[in-house]
C-alpha atoms as a PDB file:
ATOM      1  CA  MET A   1     -54.039 -47.614  -0.016  1.00  0.00           C
ATOM      2  CA  ILE A   2     -54.296 -45.136  -2.950  1.00  0.00           C
ATOM      3  CA  TYR A   3     -57.082 -44.735  -5.567  1.00  0.00           C
ATOM      4  CA  HIS A   4     -57.166 -42.873  -9.097  1.00  0.00           C
ATOM      5  CA  THR A   5     -60.378 -40.565  -8.943  1.00  0.00           C
ATOM      6  CA  SER A   6     -61.474 -37.575 -10.822  1.00  0.00           C
ATOM      7  CA  THR A   7     -60.657 -34.655  -8.239  1.00  0.00           C
ATOM      8  CA  SER A   8     -58.047 -32.145  -8.359  1.00  0.00           C
ATOM      9  CA  GLY A   9     -56.321 -30.114  -5.701  1.00  0.00           C
ATOM     10  CA  ASP A  10     -55.501 -31.260  -1.827  1.00  0.00           C
ATOM     11  CA  HIS A  11     -59.191 -32.244  -0.057  1.00  0.00           C
ATOM     12  CA  THR A  12     -59.570 -33.677   2.855  1.00  0.00           C
ATOM     13  CA  ILE A  13     -62.574 -35.551   3.605  1.00  0.00           C
ATOM     14  CA  ARG A  14     -61.825 -37.223   6.900  1.00  0.00           C
ATOM     15  CA  GLU A  15     -58.535 -36.590   9.109  1.00  0.00           C
ATOM     16  CA  SER A  16     -59.213 -38.465  13.167  1.00  0.00           C
ATOM     17  CA  SER A  17     -56.209 -38.440  16.346  1.00  0.00           C
ATOM     18  CA  HIS A  18     -55.618 -42.373  17.580  1.00  0.00           C
ATOM     19  CA  LYS A  19     -53.560 -44.911  19.146  1.00  0.00           C
ATOM     20  CA  SER A  20     -51.522 -47.125  16.926  1.00  0.00           C
ATOM     21  CA  LYS A  21     -52.939 -50.494  17.473  1.00  0.00           C
ATOM     22  CA  LYS A  22     -50.082 -51.683  15.203  1.00  0.00           C
ATOM     23  CA  GLN A  23     -47.428 -50.203  12.997  1.00  0.00           C
ATOM     24  CA  TYR A  24     -47.577 -47.447  10.162  1.00  0.00           C
ATOM     25  CA  GLN A  25     -45.518 -45.878   8.001  1.00  0.00           C
ATOM     26  CA  CYS A  26     -45.933 -41.826   7.968  1.00  0.00           C
ATOM     27  CA  GLY A  27     -47.579 -40.098   5.064  1.00  0.00           C
ATOM     28  CA  TYR A  28     -45.255 -37.832   4.932  1.00  0.00           C
ATOM     29  CA  CYS A  29     -41.788 -38.453   6.909  1.00  0.00           C
ATOM     30  CA  ASP A  30     -41.897 -41.831   5.781  1.00  0.00           C
ATOM     31  CA  THR A  31     -40.679 -43.354   8.759  1.00  0.00           C
ATOM     32  CA  GLN A  32     -42.548 -46.098  11.230  1.00  0.00           C
ATOM     33  CA  ILE A  33     -45.361 -44.753  13.369  1.00  0.00           C
ATOM     34  CA  ASN A  34     -45.053 -47.386  16.426  1.00  0.00           C
ATOM     35  CA  LYS A  35     -47.678 -49.006  18.198  1.00  0.00           C
ATOM     36  CA  GLY A  36     -48.876 -47.581  21.423  1.00  0.00           C
ATOM     37  CA  LYS A  37     -47.762 -44.525  19.561  1.00  0.00           C
ATOM     38  CA  LYS A  38     -50.369 -41.141  18.840  1.00  0.00           C
ATOM     39  CA  TYR A  39     -51.200 -40.789  15.016  1.00  0.00           C
ATOM     40  CA  VAL A  40     -53.152 -38.874  12.475  1.00  0.00           C
ATOM     41  CA  ARG A  41     -55.446 -39.978  10.030  1.00  0.00           C
ATOM     42  CA  THR A  42     -56.405 -38.588   6.893  1.00  0.00           C
ATOM     43  CA  VAL A  43     -58.972 -39.651   3.818  1.00  0.00           C
ATOM     44  CA  ALA A  44     -58.103 -37.103   0.796  1.00  0.00           C
ATOM     45  CA  THR A  45     -58.244 -36.274  -2.517  1.00  0.00           C
ATOM     46  CA  TYR A  46     -54.873 -35.149  -4.252  1.00  0.00           C
ATOM     47  CA  ASP A  47     -54.903 -34.368  -7.927  1.00  0.00           C
ATOM     48  CA  GLY A  48     -57.031 -36.911  -8.610  1.00  0.00           C
ATOM     49  CA  TYR A  49     -56.267 -39.454  -6.270  1.00  0.00           C
ATOM     50  CA  PHE A  50     -57.748 -40.779  -3.105  1.00  0.00           C
ATOM     51  CA  THR A  51     -55.891 -40.814   0.462  1.00  0.00           C
ATOM     52  CA  ASP A  52     -55.625 -43.094   2.997  1.00  0.00           C
ATOM     53  CA  LEU A  53     -53.477 -42.250   4.729  1.00  0.00           C
ATOM     54  CA  GLN A  54     -51.482 -41.706   8.957  1.00  0.00           C
ATOM     55  CA  TRP A  55     -49.224 -39.978   9.967  1.00  0.00           C
ATOM     56  CA  HIS A  56     -46.870 -38.375  12.472  1.00  0.00           C
ATOM     57  CA  PRO A  57     -49.270 -35.771  14.473  1.00  0.00           C
ATOM     58  CA  LYS A  58     -45.788 -33.299  13.908  1.00  0.00           C
ATOM     59  CA  CYS A  59     -46.114 -34.459   9.906  1.00  0.00           C
ATOM     60  CA  ARG A  60     -49.003 -33.597   9.593  1.00  0.00           C
ATOM     61  CA  GLU A  61     -48.798 -30.057  11.162  1.00  0.00           C
ATOM     62  CA  GLU A  62     -45.856 -29.457   9.037  1.00  0.00           C
ATOM     63  CA  TYR A  63     -47.774 -31.001   5.957  1.00  0.00           C
ATOM     64  CA  ILE A  64     -50.651 -27.900   7.125  1.00  0.00           C
ATOM     65  CA  GLN A  65     -48.287 -25.292   7.281  1.00  0.00           C
ATOM     66  CA  TYR A  66     -46.645 -26.206   3.895  1.00  0.00           C
ATOM     67  CA  LEU A  67     -49.854 -25.889   2.323  1.00  0.00           C
ATOM     68  CA  ASN A  68     -50.931 -22.659   4.136  1.00  0.00           C
ATOM     69  CA  ASP A  69     -47.072 -21.488   2.896  1.00  0.00           C
ATOM     70  CA  ARG A  70     -47.933 -22.175  -0.653  1.00  0.00           C
ATOM     71  CA  ALA A  71     -51.890 -20.323  -0.831  1.00  0.00           C
ATOM     72  CA  ARG A  72     -50.439 -17.785   0.570  1.00  0.00           C
ATOM     73  CA  GLU A  73     -47.937 -16.851  -2.308  1.00  0.00           C
ATOM     74  CA  ARG A  74     -50.034 -17.791  -4.632  1.00  0.00           C
END
């Protein structure tokens, strides 16, 4: 789910790890997270939108690395 908010930038509000009780779509690679698999759920704001996303653990790590690389480039 994505909702509009007045914030800017990428700010994680909450991040937690779970074992899936149903199928989800990964917020990064857009492939399925199958029932019974571990996933990371984030609640965040991103450039004016409130997000509630599920991620493969590896995809979340790659996204964090991407953000860190971008921050170093500035």
